[in-house]
Amino acid sequence: MARRKGLTFYQKKKRLDPRLLKDAVELLVGGAVAVFLAFVLVFSVGMRTSVIGDSMEPVLHNGQEILMNRILYRISTPKRGDVIVFLPNGNQNSHYYVKRVVGLPGETVQIREGNVYIDGALLAENEQFDKIVDPGIAQNELLLASDEFFVLGDNRNSSEDSRSGNIGAVRKDTIIGKAWFHMAVGEESMGLIE
């Protein structure tokens, strides 16, 4: 038999490094736990609904999807300027209403000459809001109870809100949550509601 001359090469069997395998498993498990926790958090804290009507234009539009925070008002109370989601008079058969908080518990609210007055003083508001043509039940001073809020749509002259006798002041126990994020119309992007 003839012997082969020259260099000989042998192949070393490749083994998985146990540390690398451990790191990969930890990364996969950690990622799965993070996705699960995010899913639980969004569905326990957040809730998705749609805006119905043009009463919140130009901030929110008819049919626009919003995400609301359902936990926030269990530990705090709405503030002036918050956009809230509520069921009028707690009616479970109604659609969700989305409006901006104007009057707070214990305050008196009145609409005179197209402007909102809180405790007799003119409410300093953003100039984007139109003068109110129909003051509704707020033509006379309304004293809000310790758990009531006065809400208005941003599109003041095209809104069914606390000025309407069938809605009136909104009780805290009928508030579902704070409107938190909105989906951009025609896109999948989100933005904070202010």
N, C-alpha and C. Protein backbone atom coordinates (compact mmCIF):
# COMPACT_ATOMS: atom_id res chain seq x y z
N MET A 1 0.80 -1.17 0.00
CA MET A 1 0.00 0.00 0.00
C MET A 1 0.85 1.25 0.00
N ALA A 2 0.33 2.16 -0.70
CA ALA A 2 1.06 3.41 -0.79
C ALA A 2 0.56 4.37 0.28
N ARG A 3 1.50 5.01 0.89
CA ARG A 3 1.13 6.01 1.89
C ARG A 3 1.01 7.37 1.25
N ARG A 4 0.07 8.08 1.72
CA ARG A 4 -0.08 9.44 1.21
C ARG A 4 0.93 10.33 1.89
N LYS A 5 1.50 11.13 1.11
CA LYS A 5 2.48 12.03 1.67
C LYS A 5 1.89 13.43 1.74
N GLY A 6 2.37 14.17 2.57
CA GLY A 6 1.96 15.56 2.68
C GLY A 6 1.16 15.81 3.96
N LEU A 7 0.50 16.92 3.95
CA LEU A 7 -0.26 17.33 5.13
C LEU A 7 -1.57 16.57 5.21
N THR A 8 -1.97 16.31 6.38
CA THR A 8 -3.27 15.68 6.57
C THR A 8 -4.14 16.63 7.43
N PHE A 9 -5.40 16.67 7.08
CA PHE A 9 -6.35 17.52 7.82
C PHE A 9 -7.43 16.65 8.41
N TYR A 10 -7.82 17.00 9.54
CA TYR A 10 -8.96 16.26 10.11
C TYR A 10 -10.01 17.30 10.51
N GLN A 11 -11.24 16.86 10.48
CA GLN A 11 -12.32 17.77 10.85
C GLN A 11 -12.66 17.56 12.31
N LYS A 12 -12.74 18.68 12.99
CA LYS A 12 -13.12 18.64 14.39
C LYS A 12 -14.64 18.76 14.44
N LYS A 13 -15.28 17.93 15.21
CA LYS A 13 -16.73 18.00 15.34
C LYS A 13 -17.09 19.29 16.06
N LYS A 14 -18.05 20.02 15.47
CA LYS A 14 -18.49 21.27 16.10
C LYS A 14 -19.54 20.94 17.15
N ARG A 15 -19.38 21.54 18.29
CA ARG A 15 -20.35 21.38 19.36
C ARG A 15 -20.92 22.75 19.68
N LEU A 16 -22.18 22.72 20.11
CA LEU A 16 -22.80 23.97 20.54
C LEU A 16 -22.22 24.38 21.87
N ASP A 17 -21.87 25.62 21.93
CA ASP A 17 -21.36 26.17 23.18
C ASP A 17 -22.55 26.27 24.15
N PRO A 18 -22.49 25.64 25.30
CA PRO A 18 -23.61 25.67 26.24
C PRO A 18 -23.99 27.08 26.68
N ARG A 19 -23.00 27.96 26.77
CA ARG A 19 -23.30 29.35 27.16
C ARG A 19 -24.12 30.06 26.09
N LEU A 20 -23.78 29.82 24.82
CA LEU A 20 -24.50 30.42 23.72
C LEU A 20 -25.93 29.91 23.68
N LEU A 21 -26.11 28.63 23.88
CA LEU A 21 -27.44 28.04 23.91
C LEU A 21 -28.26 28.61 25.05
N LYS A 22 -27.65 28.75 26.22
CA LYS A 22 -28.33 29.32 27.39
C LYS A 22 -28.76 30.76 27.12
N ASP A 23 -27.87 31.57 26.52
CA ASP A 23 -28.19 32.96 26.19
C ASP A 23 -29.35 33.04 25.20
N ALA A 24 -29.35 32.17 24.20
CA ALA A 24 -30.43 32.17 23.20
C ALA A 24 -31.77 31.82 23.85
N VAL A 25 -31.78 30.83 24.72
CA VAL A 25 -33.02 30.43 25.40
C VAL A 25 -33.50 31.56 26.31
N GLU A 26 -32.60 32.19 27.05
CA GLU A 26 -32.98 33.30 27.92
C GLU A 26 -33.57 34.45 27.11
N LEU A 27 -32.98 34.73 25.96
CA LEU A 27 -33.48 35.81 25.10
C LEU A 27 -34.88 35.49 24.58
N LEU A 28 -35.10 34.27 24.14
CA LEU A 28 -36.42 33.87 23.64
C LEU A 28 -37.47 33.91 24.75
N VAL A 29 -37.13 33.37 25.92
CA VAL A 29 -38.08 33.36 27.03
C VAL A 29 -38.36 34.78 27.51
N GLY A 30 -37.32 35.60 27.63
CA GLY A 30 -37.50 36.99 28.04
C GLY A 30 -38.36 37.77 27.06
N GLY A 31 -38.14 37.56 25.77
CA GLY A 31 -38.96 38.23 24.75
C GLY A 31 -40.41 37.80 24.82
N ALA A 32 -40.64 36.50 25.01
CA ALA A 32 -42.01 35.99 25.11
C ALA A 32 -42.72 36.56 26.34
N VAL A 33 -42.01 36.64 27.46
CA VAL A 33 -42.59 37.20 28.69
C VAL A 33 -42.92 38.68 28.48
N ALA A 34 -42.02 39.43 27.84
CA ALA A 34 -42.25 40.86 27.59
C ALA A 34 -43.47 41.07 26.70
N VAL A 35 -43.60 40.29 25.65
CA VAL A 35 -44.76 40.40 24.75
C VAL A 35 -46.04 40.05 25.51
N PHE A 36 -46.00 39.00 26.32
CA PHE A 36 -47.16 38.60 27.11
C PHE A 36 -47.57 39.70 28.08
N LEU A 37 -46.60 40.27 28.81
CA LEU A 37 -46.90 41.34 29.76
C LEU A 37 -47.45 42.58 29.06
N ALA A 38 -46.89 42.93 27.92
CA ALA A 38 -47.41 44.08 27.16
C ALA A 38 -48.85 43.82 26.72
N PHE A 39 -49.12 42.62 26.26
CA PHE A 39 -50.47 42.24 25.84
C PHE A 39 -51.45 42.36 27.02
N VAL A 40 -51.08 41.80 28.17
CA VAL A 40 -51.93 41.86 29.36
C VAL A 40 -52.13 43.30 29.81
N LEU A 41 -51.08 44.09 29.81
CA LEU A 41 -51.16 45.49 30.24
C LEU A 41 -52.10 46.29 29.34
N VAL A 42 -51.94 46.15 28.03
CA VAL A 42 -52.79 46.91 27.10
C VAL A 42 -54.24 46.50 27.25
N PHE A 43 -54.52 45.21 27.40
CA PHE A 43 -55.90 44.78 27.48
C PHE A 43 -56.52 44.94 28.86
N SER A 44 -55.71 45.06 29.92
CA SER A 44 -56.29 45.30 31.24
C SER A 44 -56.42 46.80 31.52
N VAL A 45 -55.49 47.58 31.03
CA VAL A 45 -55.52 49.03 31.25
C VAL A 45 -56.21 49.74 30.10
N GLY A 46 -55.89 49.36 28.90
CA GLY A 46 -56.41 50.05 27.73
C GLY A 46 -57.64 49.38 27.15
N MET A 47 -58.38 50.16 26.37
CA MET A 47 -59.54 49.65 25.66
C MET A 47 -59.68 50.48 24.40
N ARG A 48 -60.01 49.83 23.32
CA ARG A 48 -60.11 50.49 22.03
C ARG A 48 -61.58 50.76 21.71
N THR A 49 -61.86 51.95 21.19
CA THR A 49 -63.21 52.30 20.75
C THR A 49 -63.10 53.28 19.59
N SER A 50 -64.23 53.62 19.01
CA SER A 50 -64.26 54.55 17.88
C SER A 50 -65.00 55.82 18.26
N VAL A 51 -64.60 56.92 17.65
CA VAL A 51 -65.29 58.19 17.82
C VAL A 51 -66.51 58.17 16.89
N ILE A 52 -67.66 58.56 17.42
CA ILE A 52 -68.87 58.63 16.61
C ILE A 52 -69.26 60.09 16.48
N GLY A 53 -69.34 60.58 15.26
CA GLY A 53 -69.73 61.96 15.00
C GLY A 53 -68.55 62.90 14.89
N ASP A 54 -68.87 64.16 14.62
CA ASP A 54 -67.82 65.17 14.40
C ASP A 54 -67.68 66.14 15.58
N SER A 55 -68.21 65.77 16.74
CA SER A 55 -68.23 66.69 17.87
C SER A 55 -66.85 67.00 18.46
N MET A 56 -65.84 66.18 18.14
CA MET A 56 -64.50 66.43 18.70
C MET A 56 -63.51 66.93 17.65
N GLU A 57 -64.01 67.31 16.49
CA GLU A 57 -63.11 67.85 15.47
C GLU A 57 -62.57 69.19 15.92
N PRO A 58 -61.37 69.57 15.62
CA PRO A 58 -60.43 68.95 14.70
C PRO A 58 -59.50 67.93 15.36
N VAL A 59 -59.60 67.70 16.68
CA VAL A 59 -58.69 66.77 17.36
C VAL A 59 -58.97 65.33 16.99
N LEU A 60 -60.24 64.94 17.04
CA LEU A 60 -60.66 63.57 16.70
C LEU A 60 -61.77 63.63 15.65
N HIS A 61 -61.76 62.64 14.76
CA HIS A 61 -62.71 62.64 13.65
C HIS A 61 -63.64 61.44 13.72
N ASN A 62 -64.77 61.56 13.05
CA ASN A 62 -65.76 60.49 12.99
C ASN A 62 -65.11 59.19 12.51
N GLY A 63 -65.33 58.10 13.25
CA GLY A 63 -64.80 56.81 12.88
C GLY A 63 -63.37 56.56 13.32
N GLN A 64 -62.71 57.55 13.85
CA GLN A 64 -61.31 57.39 14.26
C GLN A 64 -61.23 56.49 15.49
N GLU A 65 -60.26 55.59 15.48
CA GLU A 65 -60.04 54.67 16.60
C GLU A 65 -59.22 55.36 17.68
N ILE A 66 -59.63 55.16 18.94
CA ILE A 66 -58.87 55.69 20.06
C ILE A 66 -58.63 54.57 21.07
N LEU A 67 -57.56 54.72 21.83
CA LEU A 67 -57.25 53.81 22.93
C LEU A 67 -57.44 54.61 24.20
N MET A 68 -58.22 54.05 25.13
CA MET A 68 -58.45 54.77 26.38
C MET A 68 -57.80 54.03 27.55
N ASN A 69 -57.44 54.78 28.56
CA ASN A 69 -56.86 54.24 29.79
C ASN A 69 -58.01 54.04 30.78
N ARG A 70 -58.32 52.78 31.09
CA ARG A 70 -59.45 52.48 31.98
C ARG A 70 -59.07 52.49 33.46
N ILE A 71 -57.80 52.53 33.78
CA ILE A 71 -57.36 52.44 35.17
C ILE A 71 -57.14 53.82 35.81
N LEU A 72 -56.71 54.78 35.03
CA LEU A 72 -56.30 56.09 35.55
C LEU A 72 -57.31 56.72 36.50
N TYR A 73 -58.59 56.72 36.12
CA TYR A 73 -59.58 57.41 36.95
C TYR A 73 -60.07 56.57 38.12
N ARG A 74 -59.52 55.38 38.29
CA ARG A 74 -59.80 54.62 39.51
C ARG A 74 -58.89 55.11 40.64
N ILE A 75 -57.76 55.69 40.25
CA ILE A 75 -56.81 56.17 41.26
C ILE A 75 -56.68 57.70 41.29
N SER A 76 -57.31 58.37 40.31
CA SER A 76 -57.29 59.84 40.29
C SER A 76 -58.62 60.32 39.70
N THR A 77 -58.76 61.62 39.59
CA THR A 77 -59.99 62.16 39.01
C THR A 77 -59.65 62.94 37.73
N PRO A 78 -60.62 63.04 36.83
CA PRO A 78 -60.38 63.82 35.61
C PRO A 78 -60.04 65.27 35.93
N LYS A 79 -59.23 65.84 35.08
CA LYS A 79 -58.83 67.24 35.22
C LYS A 79 -59.43 68.04 34.07
N ARG A 80 -59.52 69.33 34.27
CA ARG A 80 -60.03 70.20 33.21
C ARG A 80 -59.14 70.05 31.98
N GLY A 81 -59.76 69.85 30.85
CA GLY A 81 -59.02 69.69 29.60
C GLY A 81 -58.84 68.23 29.20
N ASP A 82 -59.04 67.28 30.13
CA ASP A 82 -58.93 65.86 29.78
C ASP A 82 -60.04 65.49 28.79
N VAL A 83 -59.72 64.61 27.87
CA VAL A 83 -60.73 64.06 26.97
C VAL A 83 -61.11 62.71 27.56
N ILE A 84 -62.40 62.59 27.91
CA ILE A 84 -62.88 61.38 28.58
C ILE A 84 -63.83 60.59 27.68
N VAL A 85 -63.99 59.33 28.03
CA VAL A 85 -64.94 58.44 27.36
C VAL A 85 -65.93 58.02 28.44
N PHE A 86 -67.24 58.18 28.15
CA PHE A 86 -68.25 57.86 29.16
C PHE A 86 -69.52 57.34 28.51
N LEU A 87 -70.35 56.75 29.34
CA LEU A 87 -71.69 56.33 28.92
C LEU A 87 -72.66 57.34 29.51
N PRO A 88 -73.46 58.04 28.68
CA PRO A 88 -74.36 59.06 29.22
C PRO A 88 -75.36 58.42 30.19
N ASN A 89 -75.41 58.97 31.40
CA ASN A 89 -76.29 58.48 32.47
C ASN A 89 -76.06 57.01 32.77
N GLY A 90 -74.89 56.48 32.45
CA GLY A 90 -74.58 55.08 32.72
C GLY A 90 -75.33 54.10 31.85
N ASN A 91 -75.95 54.57 30.78
CA ASN A 91 -76.76 53.72 29.89
C ASN A 91 -75.87 52.72 29.15
N GLN A 92 -75.93 51.46 29.53
CA GLN A 92 -75.11 50.41 28.93
C GLN A 92 -75.49 50.14 27.47
N ASN A 93 -76.66 50.58 27.04
CA ASN A 93 -77.11 50.35 25.66
C ASN A 93 -76.70 51.48 24.71
N SER A 94 -76.07 52.51 25.25
CA SER A 94 -75.63 53.65 24.44
C SER A 94 -74.22 53.41 23.91
N HIS A 95 -73.86 54.18 22.88
CA HIS A 95 -72.46 54.15 22.43
C HIS A 95 -71.64 55.03 23.36
N TYR A 96 -70.32 54.83 23.32
CA TYR A 96 -69.43 55.65 24.14
C TYR A 96 -69.39 57.08 23.60
N TYR A 97 -69.45 58.04 24.50
CA TYR A 97 -69.31 59.45 24.16
C TYR A 97 -67.87 59.86 24.48
N VAL A 98 -67.30 60.71 23.63
CA VAL A 98 -65.94 61.22 23.82
C VAL A 98 -66.03 62.74 23.87
N LYS A 99 -65.72 63.33 25.02
CA LYS A 99 -65.84 64.78 25.21
C LYS A 99 -64.70 65.29 26.09
N ARG A 100 -64.57 66.62 26.12
CA ARG A 100 -63.52 67.28 26.92
C ARG A 100 -64.12 67.82 28.22
N VAL A 101 -63.42 67.60 29.34
CA VAL A 101 -63.86 68.09 30.65
C VAL A 101 -63.65 69.59 30.72
N VAL A 102 -64.73 70.31 31.09
CA VAL A 102 -64.67 71.75 31.21
C VAL A 102 -64.92 72.18 32.66
N GLY A 103 -65.94 71.58 33.29
CA GLY A 103 -66.28 71.92 34.67
C GLY A 103 -65.98 70.77 35.61
N LEU A 104 -65.48 71.10 36.80
CA LEU A 104 -65.08 70.10 37.80
C LEU A 104 -66.06 70.06 38.97
N PRO A 105 -66.05 68.98 39.75
CA PRO A 105 -66.97 68.85 40.88
C PRO A 105 -66.94 70.07 41.81
N GLY A 106 -68.15 70.49 42.22
CA GLY A 106 -68.27 71.62 43.14
C GLY A 106 -68.28 72.98 42.47
N GLU A 107 -67.98 73.06 41.18
CA GLU A 107 -67.96 74.34 40.47
C GLU A 107 -69.35 74.67 39.91
N THR A 108 -69.55 75.96 39.64
CA THR A 108 -70.76 76.35 38.91
C THR A 108 -70.34 76.65 37.48
N VAL A 109 -71.17 76.20 36.55
CA VAL A 109 -70.88 76.39 35.13
C VAL A 109 -72.05 77.15 34.51
N GLN A 110 -71.72 78.10 33.66
CA GLN A 110 -72.75 78.82 32.92
C GLN A 110 -72.18 79.23 31.57
N ILE A 111 -73.03 79.23 30.55
CA ILE A 111 -72.61 79.68 29.22
C ILE A 111 -73.38 80.96 28.93
N ARG A 112 -72.62 82.06 28.76
CA ARG A 112 -73.20 83.37 28.46
C ARG A 112 -72.48 83.96 27.26
N GLU A 113 -73.26 84.51 26.35
CA GLU A 113 -72.71 85.20 25.17
C GLU A 113 -71.71 84.32 24.43
N GLY A 114 -71.97 83.02 24.41
CA GLY A 114 -71.12 82.09 23.67
C GLY A 114 -69.87 81.63 24.38
N ASN A 115 -69.67 82.06 25.63
CA ASN A 115 -68.47 81.70 26.39
C ASN A 115 -68.83 80.90 27.63
N VAL A 116 -67.87 80.13 28.10
CA VAL A 116 -68.04 79.32 29.31
C VAL A 116 -67.52 80.10 30.52
N TYR A 117 -68.33 80.12 31.56
CA TYR A 117 -67.95 80.76 32.81
C TYR A 117 -67.93 79.71 33.91
N ILE A 118 -66.84 79.68 34.66
CA ILE A 118 -66.69 78.77 35.79
C ILE A 118 -66.65 79.61 37.06
N ASP A 119 -67.58 79.36 37.98
CA ASP A 119 -67.69 80.13 39.22
C ASP A 119 -67.71 81.63 38.93
N GLY A 120 -68.38 82.01 37.86
CA GLY A 120 -68.56 83.42 37.51
C GLY A 120 -67.43 84.03 36.71
N ALA A 121 -66.32 83.31 36.55
CA ALA A 121 -65.16 83.84 35.82
C ALA A 121 -65.07 83.19 34.43
N LEU A 122 -64.73 84.00 33.44
CA LEU A 122 -64.59 83.51 32.07
C LEU A 122 -63.49 82.45 32.02
N LEU A 123 -63.82 81.29 31.44
CA LEU A 123 -62.85 80.21 31.30
C LEU A 123 -61.89 80.55 30.17
N ALA A 124 -60.60 80.59 30.48
CA ALA A 124 -59.58 80.85 29.45
C ALA A 124 -59.42 79.57 28.65
N GLU A 125 -59.82 79.62 27.38
CA GLU A 125 -59.74 78.44 26.53
C GLU A 125 -58.94 78.73 25.28
N ASN A 126 -58.56 77.66 24.64
CA ASN A 126 -57.88 77.74 23.37
C ASN A 126 -58.78 78.46 22.37
N GLU A 127 -58.21 79.28 21.53
CA GLU A 127 -58.99 80.05 20.56
C GLU A 127 -59.59 79.19 19.45
N GLN A 128 -59.23 77.90 19.39
CA GLN A 128 -59.75 77.04 18.34
C GLN A 128 -61.24 76.76 18.51
N PHE A 129 -61.79 76.96 19.73
CA PHE A 129 -63.19 76.66 19.98
C PHE A 129 -64.07 77.82 19.52
N ASP A 130 -65.14 77.47 18.81
CA ASP A 130 -66.10 78.47 18.36
C ASP A 130 -66.92 78.99 19.53
N LYS A 131 -67.48 80.18 19.36
CA LYS A 131 -68.43 80.68 20.35
C LYS A 131 -69.64 79.77 20.31
N ILE A 132 -70.20 79.51 21.47
CA ILE A 132 -71.32 78.57 21.59
C ILE A 132 -72.62 79.30 21.24
N VAL A 133 -73.32 78.76 20.24
CA VAL A 133 -74.58 79.36 19.80
C VAL A 133 -75.72 78.99 20.76
N ASP A 134 -75.81 77.71 21.14
CA ASP A 134 -76.89 77.23 22.01
C ASP A 134 -76.34 76.79 23.35
N PRO A 135 -76.59 77.57 24.41
CA PRO A 135 -76.07 77.19 25.72
C PRO A 135 -76.81 76.02 26.37
N GLY A 136 -77.98 75.68 25.84
CA GLY A 136 -78.76 74.58 26.39
C GLY A 136 -79.08 74.80 27.85
N ILE A 137 -78.96 73.74 28.65
CA ILE A 137 -79.31 73.85 30.08
C ILE A 137 -78.29 74.69 30.85
N ALA A 138 -77.17 75.01 30.23
CA ALA A 138 -76.15 75.83 30.91
C ALA A 138 -76.41 77.32 30.72
N GLN A 139 -77.57 77.65 30.18
CA GLN A 139 -77.96 79.06 30.07
C GLN A 139 -78.05 79.64 31.48
N ASN A 140 -78.53 78.82 32.41
CA ASN A 140 -78.56 79.19 33.83
C ASN A 140 -77.39 78.51 34.51
N GLU A 141 -76.96 79.08 35.64
CA GLU A 141 -75.84 78.48 36.38
C GLU A 141 -76.19 77.05 36.80
N LEU A 142 -75.23 76.14 36.60
CA LEU A 142 -75.38 74.75 37.04
C LEU A 142 -74.34 74.49 38.12
N LEU A 143 -74.78 74.02 39.26
CA LEU A 143 -73.86 73.66 40.34
C LEU A 143 -73.59 72.17 40.22
N LEU A 144 -72.32 71.82 40.00
CA LEU A 144 -71.93 70.43 39.86
C LEU A 144 -71.78 69.78 41.23
N ALA A 145 -72.32 68.56 41.37
CA ALA A 145 -72.19 67.80 42.62
C ALA A 145 -70.74 67.36 42.81
N SER A 146 -70.47 66.72 43.93
CA SER A 146 -69.09 66.33 44.26
C SER A 146 -68.54 65.22 43.38
N ASP A 147 -69.39 64.59 42.55
CA ASP A 147 -68.93 63.53 41.65
C ASP A 147 -69.31 63.82 40.20
N GLU A 148 -69.59 65.09 39.87
CA GLU A 148 -70.05 65.44 38.52
C GLU A 148 -69.06 66.31 37.77
N PHE A 149 -69.05 66.13 36.44
CA PHE A 149 -68.18 66.90 35.54
C PHE A 149 -69.04 67.47 34.41
N PHE A 150 -68.70 68.66 33.96
CA PHE A 150 -69.37 69.28 32.82
C PHE A 150 -68.46 69.10 31.62
N VAL A 151 -68.97 68.49 30.55
CA VAL A 151 -68.16 68.18 29.38
C VAL A 151 -68.74 68.84 28.13
N LEU A 152 -67.84 69.20 27.22
CA LEU A 152 -68.23 69.77 25.93
C LEU A 152 -67.41 69.12 24.83
N GLY A 153 -67.99 69.05 23.63
CA GLY A 153 -67.23 68.63 22.46
C GLY A 153 -66.37 69.79 21.98
N ASP A 154 -65.26 69.50 21.34
CA ASP A 154 -64.40 70.57 20.81
C ASP A 154 -65.08 71.32 19.68
N ASN A 155 -65.91 70.66 18.92
CA ASN A 155 -66.69 71.28 17.86
C ASN A 155 -67.99 71.73 18.51
N ARG A 156 -67.91 72.81 19.25
CA ARG A 156 -68.94 73.24 20.20
C ARG A 156 -70.35 73.33 19.61
N ASN A 157 -70.47 73.71 18.38
CA ASN A 157 -71.81 73.90 17.81
C ASN A 157 -72.31 72.67 17.05
N SER A 158 -71.61 71.56 17.19
CA SER A 158 -72.04 70.30 16.59
C SER A 158 -71.77 69.17 17.57
N SER A 159 -72.24 69.36 18.80
CA SER A 159 -71.94 68.38 19.85
C SER A 159 -73.13 68.19 20.76
N GLU A 160 -73.40 66.94 21.09
CA GLU A 160 -74.38 66.62 22.12
C GLU A 160 -73.56 66.33 23.37
N ASP A 161 -73.68 67.21 24.37
CA ASP A 161 -72.82 67.11 25.53
C ASP A 161 -73.57 67.53 26.79
N SER A 162 -72.89 68.04 27.80
CA SER A 162 -73.53 68.40 29.06
C SER A 162 -74.57 69.50 28.94
N ARG A 163 -74.59 70.21 27.84
CA ARG A 163 -75.62 71.23 27.62
C ARG A 163 -76.97 70.60 27.32
N SER A 164 -76.96 69.34 26.86
CA SER A 164 -78.19 68.64 26.50
C SER A 164 -78.85 68.08 27.74
N GLY A 165 -80.16 68.26 27.84
CA GLY A 165 -80.90 67.77 29.00
C GLY A 165 -80.83 66.26 29.17
N ASN A 166 -80.70 65.53 28.06
CA ASN A 166 -80.66 64.06 28.16
C ASN A 166 -79.28 63.54 28.56
N ILE A 167 -78.27 64.42 28.59
CA ILE A 167 -76.94 64.00 29.04
C ILE A 167 -76.61 64.70 30.36
N GLY A 168 -76.63 66.01 30.37
CA GLY A 168 -76.35 66.75 31.59
C GLY A 168 -74.94 66.53 32.11
N ALA A 169 -74.78 66.78 33.39
CA ALA A 169 -73.48 66.58 34.03
C ALA A 169 -73.14 65.09 34.03
N VAL A 170 -71.87 64.79 33.88
CA VAL A 170 -71.40 63.40 33.80
C VAL A 170 -70.90 62.97 35.17
N ARG A 171 -71.51 61.92 35.72
CA ARG A 171 -71.07 61.37 37.01
C ARG A 171 -69.79 60.57 36.83
N LYS A 172 -68.93 60.61 37.84
CA LYS A 172 -67.64 59.91 37.75
C LYS A 172 -67.83 58.41 37.52
N ASP A 173 -68.86 57.82 38.10
CA ASP A 173 -69.05 56.37 37.95
C ASP A 173 -69.51 55.96 36.55
N THR A 174 -69.82 56.93 35.69
CA THR A 174 -70.20 56.61 34.30
C THR A 174 -69.03 56.81 33.34
N ILE A 175 -67.89 57.29 33.87
CA ILE A 175 -66.71 57.52 33.03
C ILE A 175 -65.97 56.20 32.86
N ILE A 176 -65.75 55.81 31.62
CA ILE A 176 -65.07 54.56 31.31
C ILE A 176 -63.55 54.74 31.39
N GLY A 177 -63.05 55.87 30.92
CA GLY A 177 -61.62 56.11 30.96
C GLY A 177 -61.22 57.40 30.28
N LYS A 178 -59.92 57.62 30.26
CA LYS A 178 -59.36 58.80 29.60
C LYS A 178 -58.91 58.42 28.21
N ALA A 179 -59.33 59.21 27.21
CA ALA A 179 -58.85 58.99 25.84
C ALA A 179 -57.36 59.26 25.86
N TRP A 180 -56.60 58.30 25.40
CA TRP A 180 -55.16 58.28 25.61
C TRP A 180 -54.41 58.49 24.32
N PHE A 181 -54.64 57.61 23.35
CA PHE A 181 -54.00 57.68 22.04
C PHE A 181 -55.06 57.63 20.96
N HIS A 182 -54.75 58.22 19.82
CA HIS A 182 -55.64 58.09 18.67
C HIS A 182 -54.86 57.54 17.50
N MET A 183 -55.54 56.77 16.69
CA MET A 183 -54.94 56.26 15.46
C MET A 183 -55.08 57.34 14.40
N ALA A 184 -54.03 57.57 13.65
CA ALA A 184 -54.09 58.56 12.58
C ALA A 184 -55.07 58.04 11.53
N VAL A 185 -55.89 58.91 10.99
CA VAL A 185 -56.90 58.52 10.02
C VAL A 185 -56.20 57.96 8.78
N GLY A 186 -56.59 56.75 8.37
CA GLY A 186 -56.03 56.11 7.18
C GLY A 186 -54.64 55.53 7.35
N GLU A 187 -54.12 55.55 8.58
CA GLU A 187 -52.78 55.03 8.83
C GLU A 187 -52.81 54.17 10.08
N GLU A 188 -51.73 53.50 10.34
CA GLU A 188 -51.63 52.69 11.56
C GLU A 188 -50.76 53.38 12.60
N SER A 189 -50.52 54.68 12.45
CA SER A 189 -49.71 55.38 13.45
C SER A 189 -50.60 55.90 14.56
N MET A 190 -50.00 56.14 15.72
CA MET A 190 -50.74 56.60 16.88
C MET A 190 -50.18 57.92 17.36
N GLY A 191 -51.02 58.69 18.06
CA GLY A 191 -50.57 59.94 18.64
C GLY A 191 -51.29 60.20 19.95
N LEU A 192 -50.67 60.94 20.85
CA LEU A 192 -51.29 61.29 22.13
C LEU A 192 -52.44 62.24 21.88
N ILE A 193 -53.47 62.14 22.71
CA ILE A 193 -54.61 63.05 22.63
C ILE A 193 -54.37 64.17 23.63
N GLU A 194 -54.44 65.40 23.17
CA GLU A 194 -54.26 66.55 24.05
C GLU A 194 -55.46 67.44 23.98
